[in-house]
């Protein structure tokens, strides 16, 4: 009897039932889609944080005629409508915090020495794979490990790097 009543009500209100079912489907679809987008964003941020851990010392090569970045990741942030993750780096070459746009490599002195000795044009070819006519040229770009090492020492890089290594060992 109960099934008969339900069947009659469905027949009488078939358009309403179809509309409700369609609305429920659309609501469920939108929720599932938003959940998927949210999960993707969380995953993207976790991957970024694993690849750019706070406290890590890095080397990054700009795609312009500028000094390389040698520093320590100090914070994470998001920018733009897409909330793209970025890292803030304490750049010991410039003596200021900069937003990291370039691909970062873990710091080691051998890489720092080799990259420092390259002209910005050669750095660009090596790291970006193309020749480039620079939009601007920074005449004060440091070329050479000796001068780079002096700048890093003056800005406290080696002290911070050693303290970081000691903290990890403890």
C-alpha atoms as a PDB file:
ATOM      1  CA  UNK A   1       0.000   0.000   0.000  1.00  0.00           C
ATOM      2  CA  UNK A   2       2.806   2.350   0.939  1.00  0.00           C
ATOM      3  CA  UNK A   3       4.536   1.754  -2.404  1.00  0.00           C
ATOM      4  CA  UNK A   4       1.308   2.431  -4.267  1.00  0.00           C
ATOM      5  CA  UNK A   5       0.854   5.780  -2.531  1.00  0.00           C
ATOM      6  CA  UNK A   6       4.461   6.734  -3.289  1.00  0.00           C
ATOM      7  CA  UNK A   7       4.034   5.722  -6.937  1.00  0.00           C
ATOM      8  CA  UNK A   8       0.826   7.799  -7.228  1.00  0.00           C
ATOM      9  CA  UNK A   9       2.457  10.830  -5.634  1.00  0.00           C
ATOM     10  CA  UNK A  10       5.448  10.524  -7.966  1.00  0.00           C
ATOM     11  CA  UNK A  11       3.091  10.353 -10.948  1.00  0.00           C
ATOM     12  CA  UNK A  12       1.076  13.371  -9.836  1.00  0.00           C
ATOM     13  CA  UNK A  13       4.157  15.390  -8.944  1.00  0.00           C
ATOM     14  CA  UNK A  14       6.501  13.954 -11.609  1.00  0.00           C
ATOM     15  CA  UNK A  15       7.661  17.331 -12.907  1.00  0.00           C
ATOM     16  CA  UNK A  16       8.353  18.568  -9.389  1.00  0.00           C
ATOM     17  CA  UNK A  17      10.205  15.340  -8.534  1.00  0.00           C
ATOM     18  CA  UNK A  18      12.292  15.574 -11.706  1.00  0.00           C
ATOM     19  CA  UNK A  19      13.134  19.183 -10.930  1.00  0.00           C
ATOM     20  CA  UNK A  20      14.099  18.311  -7.342  1.00  0.00           C
ATOM     21  CA  UNK A  21      16.228  15.374  -8.521  1.00  0.00           C
ATOM     22  CA  UNK A  22      17.979  17.567 -11.089  1.00  0.00           C
ATOM     23  CA  UNK A  23      18.612  20.291  -8.493  1.00  0.00           C
ATOM     24  CA  UNK A  24      19.957  17.742  -6.021  1.00  0.00           C
ATOM     25  CA  UNK A  25      22.236  16.328  -8.732  1.00  0.00           C
ATOM     26  CA  UNK A  26      23.519  19.805  -9.670  1.00  0.00           C
ATOM     27  CA  UNK A  27      24.119  20.733  -6.029  1.00  0.00           C
ATOM     28  CA  UNK A  28      25.987  17.461  -5.473  1.00  0.00           C
ATOM     29  CA  UNK A  29      28.019  17.943  -8.648  1.00  0.00           C
ATOM     30  CA  UNK A  30      28.994  21.514  -7.727  1.00  0.00           C
ATOM     31  CA  UNK A  31      29.946  20.429  -4.202  1.00  0.00           C
ATOM     32  CA  UNK A  32      32.042  17.533  -5.509  1.00  0.00           C
ATOM     33  CA  UNK A  33      33.725  19.831  -8.032  1.00  0.00           C
ATOM     34  CA  UNK A  34      34.512  22.444  -5.350  1.00  0.00           C
ATOM     35  CA  UNK A  35      35.806  19.723  -3.012  1.00  0.00           C
ATOM     36  CA  UNK A  36      38.090  18.515  -5.806  1.00  0.00           C
ATOM     37  CA  UNK A  37      39.378  22.054  -6.414  1.00  0.00           C
ATOM     38  CA  UNK A  38      39.961  22.549  -2.675  1.00  0.00           C
ATOM     39  CA  UNK A  39      41.869  19.258  -2.429  1.00  0.00           C
ATOM     40  CA  UNK A  40      43.992  20.222  -5.446  1.00  0.00           C
ATOM     41  CA  UNK A  41      44.845  23.575  -3.819  1.00  0.00           C
ATOM     42  CA  UNK A  42      45.800  21.878  -0.549  1.00  0.00           C
ATOM     43  CA  UNK A  43      47.954  19.371  -2.437  1.00  0.00           C
ATOM     44  CA  UNK A  44      49.620  22.146  -4.459  1.00  0.00           C
ATOM     45  CA  UNK A  45      50.440  24.056  -1.263  1.00  0.00           C
ATOM     46  CA  UNK A  46      51.781  20.956   0.501  1.00  0.00           C
ATOM     47  CA  UNK A  47      54.008  20.118  -2.477  1.00  0.00           C
ATOM     48  CA  UNK A  48      55.246  23.715  -2.566  1.00  0.00           C
ATOM     49  CA  UNK A  49      56.024  23.700   1.168  1.00  0.00           C
ATOM     50  CA  UNK A  50      57.886  20.388   0.869  1.00  0.00           C
ATOM     51  CA  UNK A  51      59.936  21.725  -2.061  1.00  0.00           C
ATOM     52  CA  UNK A  52      60.575  25.094  -0.347  1.00  0.00           C
ATOM     53  CA  UNK A  53      60.814  24.422   3.399  1.00  0.00           C
ATOM     54  CA  UNK A  54      61.143  27.429   5.673  1.00  0.00           C
ATOM     55  CA  UNK A  55      64.716  27.684   6.880  1.00  0.00           C
ATOM     56  CA  UNK A  56      66.281  26.088   3.789  1.00  0.00           C
ATOM     57  CA  UNK A  57      69.244  27.887   2.238  1.00  0.00           C
ATOM     58  CA  UNK A  58      68.922  28.275  -1.525  1.00  0.00           C
ATOM     59  CA  UNK A  59      70.493  29.621  -4.703  1.00  0.00           C
ATOM     60  CA  UNK A  60      68.281  31.086  -7.438  1.00  0.00           C
ATOM     61  CA  UNK A  61      69.222  32.620 -10.777  1.00  0.00           C
ATOM     62  CA  UNK A  62      67.124  35.555 -12.038  1.00  0.00           C
ATOM     63  CA  UNK A  63      66.204  35.687 -15.702  1.00  0.00           C
ATOM     64  CA  UNK A  64      67.528  39.255 -15.900  1.00  0.00           C
ATOM     65  CA  UNK A  65      70.979  40.875 -15.695  1.00  0.00           C
ATOM     66  CA  UNK A  66      71.052  40.889 -11.882  1.00  0.00           C
ATOM     67  CA  UNK A  67      72.847  39.305  -8.971  1.00  0.00           C
ATOM     68  CA  UNK A  68      71.954  35.735  -8.148  1.00  0.00           C
ATOM     69  CA  UNK A  69      69.919  35.123  -5.014  1.00  0.00           C
ATOM     70  CA  UNK A  70      71.690  33.328  -2.194  1.00  0.00           C
ATOM     71  CA  UNK A  71      69.613  33.200   0.919  1.00  0.00           C
ATOM     72  CA  UNK A  72      67.258  31.473   3.296  1.00  0.00           C
ATOM     73  CA  UNK A  73      63.537  30.841   2.859  1.00  0.00           C
ATOM     74  CA  UNK A  74      61.829  32.761   5.665  1.00  0.00           C
ATOM     75  CA  UNK A  75      58.099  32.585   4.819  1.00  0.00           C
ATOM     76  CA  UNK A  76      55.423  31.313   2.461  1.00  0.00           C
ATOM     77  CA  UNK A  77      52.682  33.428   0.924  1.00  0.00           C
ATOM     78  CA  UNK A  78      50.072  33.259  -1.827  1.00  0.00           C
ATOM     79  CA  UNK A  79      49.537  35.805  -4.568  1.00  0.00           C
ATOM     80  CA  UNK A  80      47.023  36.584  -7.266  1.00  0.00           C
ATOM     81  CA  UNK A  81      43.488  35.395  -7.870  1.00  0.00           C
ATOM     82  CA  UNK A  82      44.739  31.832  -8.163  1.00  0.00           C
ATOM     83  CA  UNK A  83      46.443  32.016  -4.751  1.00  0.00           C
ATOM     84  CA  UNK A  84      49.699  30.753  -6.238  1.00  0.00           C
ATOM     85  CA  UNK A  85      52.198  29.856  -3.521  1.00  0.00           C
ATOM     86  CA  UNK A  86      55.462  31.810  -3.350  1.00  0.00           C
ATOM     87  CA  UNK A  87      58.378  31.853  -0.949  1.00  0.00           C
ATOM     88  CA  UNK A  88      59.954  34.863   0.709  1.00  0.00           C
ATOM     89  CA  UNK A  89      63.733  34.652   0.862  1.00  0.00           C
ATOM     90  CA  UNK A  90      66.188  36.586   3.016  1.00  0.00           C
ATOM     91  CA  UNK A  91      68.625  37.416   0.201  1.00  0.00           C
ATOM     92  CA  UNK A  92      72.090  37.840   1.666  1.00  0.00           C
ATOM     93  CA  UNK A  93      73.466  39.227  -1.615  1.00  0.00           C
ATOM     94  CA  UNK A  94      71.092  42.205  -1.658  1.00  0.00           C
ATOM     95  CA  UNK A  95      70.653  42.357   2.115  1.00  0.00           C
ATOM     96  CA  UNK A  96      66.842  42.321   1.894  1.00  0.00           C
ATOM     97  CA  UNK A  97      63.861  39.983   1.709  1.00  0.00           C
ATOM     98  CA  UNK A  98      62.711  39.150  -1.826  1.00  0.00           C
ATOM     99  CA  UNK A  99      59.869  37.137  -3.302  1.00  0.00           C
ATOM    100  CA  UNK A 100      61.198  34.015  -4.988  1.00  0.00           C
ATOM    101  CA  UNK A 101      59.992  33.696  -8.575  1.00  0.00           C
ATOM    102  CA  UNK A 102      62.855  31.594  -9.894  1.00  0.00           C
ATOM    103  CA  UNK A 103      63.532  27.898  -9.501  1.00  0.00           C
ATOM    104  CA  UNK A 104      65.542  27.444  -6.331  1.00  0.00           C
ATOM    105  CA  UNK A 105      68.390  25.023  -5.781  1.00  0.00           C
ATOM    106  CA  UNK A 106      69.628  23.882  -2.367  1.00  0.00           C
ATOM    107  CA  UNK A 107      72.662  25.939  -1.347  1.00  0.00           C
ATOM    108  CA  UNK A 108      76.100  24.447  -1.628  1.00  0.00           C
ATOM    109  CA  UNK A 109      79.306  26.403  -1.949  1.00  0.00           C
ATOM    110  CA  UNK A 110      80.437  24.663  -5.145  1.00  0.00           C
ATOM    111  CA  UNK A 111      77.273  25.654  -7.022  1.00  0.00           C
ATOM    112  CA  UNK A 112      77.431  29.176  -5.597  1.00  0.00           C
ATOM    113  CA  UNK A 113      81.035  29.545  -6.756  1.00  0.00           C
ATOM    114  CA  UNK A 114      80.387  28.249 -10.273  1.00  0.00           C
ATOM    115  CA  UNK A 115      77.237  30.336 -10.797  1.00  0.00           C
ATOM    116  CA  UNK A 116      78.889  33.462  -9.345  1.00  0.00           C
ATOM    117  CA  UNK A 117      81.751  33.175 -11.806  1.00  0.00           C
ATOM    118  CA  UNK A 118      79.382  33.137 -14.803  1.00  0.00           C
ATOM    119  CA  UNK A 119      78.315  36.277 -16.657  1.00  0.00           C
ATOM    120  CA  UNK A 120      74.520  36.874 -16.356  1.00  0.00           C
ATOM    121  CA  UNK A 121      74.110  36.024 -20.066  1.00  0.00           C
ATOM    122  CA  UNK A 122      75.776  32.631 -19.525  1.00  0.00           C
ATOM    123  CA  UNK A 123      73.740  32.040 -16.363  1.00  0.00           C
ATOM    124  CA  UNK A 124      70.570  32.609 -18.369  1.00  0.00           C
ATOM    125  CA  UNK A 125      71.619  30.204 -21.119  1.00  0.00           C
ATOM    126  CA  UNK A 126      72.576  27.535 -18.576  1.00  0.00           C
ATOM    127  CA  UNK A 127      69.505  27.784 -16.315  1.00  0.00           C
ATOM    128  CA  UNK A 128      66.800  28.841 -18.795  1.00  0.00           C
ATOM    129  CA  UNK A 129      68.136  27.214 -21.965  1.00  0.00           C
ATOM    130  CA  UNK A 130      67.833  30.275 -24.197  1.00  0.00           C
ATOM    131  CA  UNK A 131      69.765  33.343 -25.183  1.00  0.00           C
ATOM    132  CA  UNK A 132      68.220  36.591 -24.034  1.00  0.00           C
ATOM    133  CA  UNK A 133      68.551  40.268 -24.677  1.00  0.00           C
ATOM    134  CA  UNK A 134      68.115  41.724 -21.198  1.00  0.00           C
ATOM    135  CA  UNK A 135      65.544  44.488 -20.757  1.00  0.00           C
ATOM    136  CA  UNK A 136      67.771  46.174 -18.184  1.00  0.00           C
ATOM    137  CA  UNK A 137      71.400  45.762 -17.224  1.00  0.00           C
ATOM    138  CA  UNK A 138      72.492  46.172 -13.622  1.00  0.00           C
ATOM    139  CA  UNK A 139      76.027  47.524 -13.959  1.00  0.00           C
ATOM    140  CA  UNK A 140      76.752  46.552 -10.344  1.00  0.00           C
ATOM    141  CA  UNK A 141      76.029  42.850 -10.877  1.00  0.00           C
ATOM    142  CA  UNK A 142      78.576  40.797  -8.989  1.00  0.00           C
ATOM    143  CA  UNK A 143      80.579  38.489 -11.221  1.00  0.00           C
ATOM    144  CA  UNK A 144      83.149  36.356  -9.437  1.00  0.00           C
ATOM    145  CA  UNK A 145      83.134  34.208  -6.332  1.00  0.00           C
ATOM    146  CA  UNK A 146      85.621  36.367  -4.430  1.00  0.00           C
ATOM    147  CA  UNK A 147      83.419  39.468  -4.511  1.00  0.00           C
ATOM    148  CA  UNK A 148      80.263  37.389  -3.952  1.00  0.00           C
ATOM    149  CA  UNK A 149      81.812  35.664  -0.936  1.00  0.00           C
ATOM    150  CA  UNK A 150      82.810  39.051   0.541  1.00  0.00           C
ATOM    151  CA  UNK A 151      79.250  40.374   0.105  1.00  0.00           C
ATOM    152  CA  UNK A 152      77.746  37.266   1.679  1.00  0.00           C
ATOM    153  CA  UNK A 153      80.128  37.467   4.637  1.00  0.00           C
ATOM    154  CA  UNK A 154      79.389  41.181   5.088  1.00  0.00           C
ATOM    155  CA  UNK A 155      75.627  40.493   5.156  1.00  0.00           C
ATOM    156  CA  UNK A 156      75.952  37.609   7.649  1.00  0.00           C
ATOM    157  CA  UNK A 157      75.202  34.680   5.358  1.00  0.00           C
ATOM    158  CA  UNK A 158      77.955  32.327   6.473  1.00  0.00           C
ATOM    159  CA  UNK A 159      77.200  32.924  10.147  1.00  0.00           C
ATOM    160  CA  UNK A 160      73.490  32.173   9.601  1.00  0.00           C
ATOM    161  CA  UNK A 161      74.336  29.124   7.483  1.00  0.00           C
ATOM    162  CA  UNK A 162      76.677  27.681  10.124  1.00  0.00           C
ATOM    163  CA  UNK A 163      74.152  28.361  12.910  1.00  0.00           C
ATOM    164  CA  UNK A 164      71.504  26.559  10.873  1.00  0.00           C
ATOM    165  CA  UNK A 165      73.748  23.525  10.380  1.00  0.00           C
ATOM    166  CA  UNK A 166      74.539  23.459  14.116  1.00  0.00           C
ATOM    167  CA  UNK A 167      70.832  23.637  14.989  1.00  0.00           C
ATOM    168  CA  UNK A 168      70.134  20.656  12.722  1.00  0.00           C
ATOM    169  CA  UNK A 169      72.928  18.630  14.338  1.00  0.00           C
ATOM    170  CA  UNK A 170      71.576  19.304  17.857  1.00  0.00           C
END
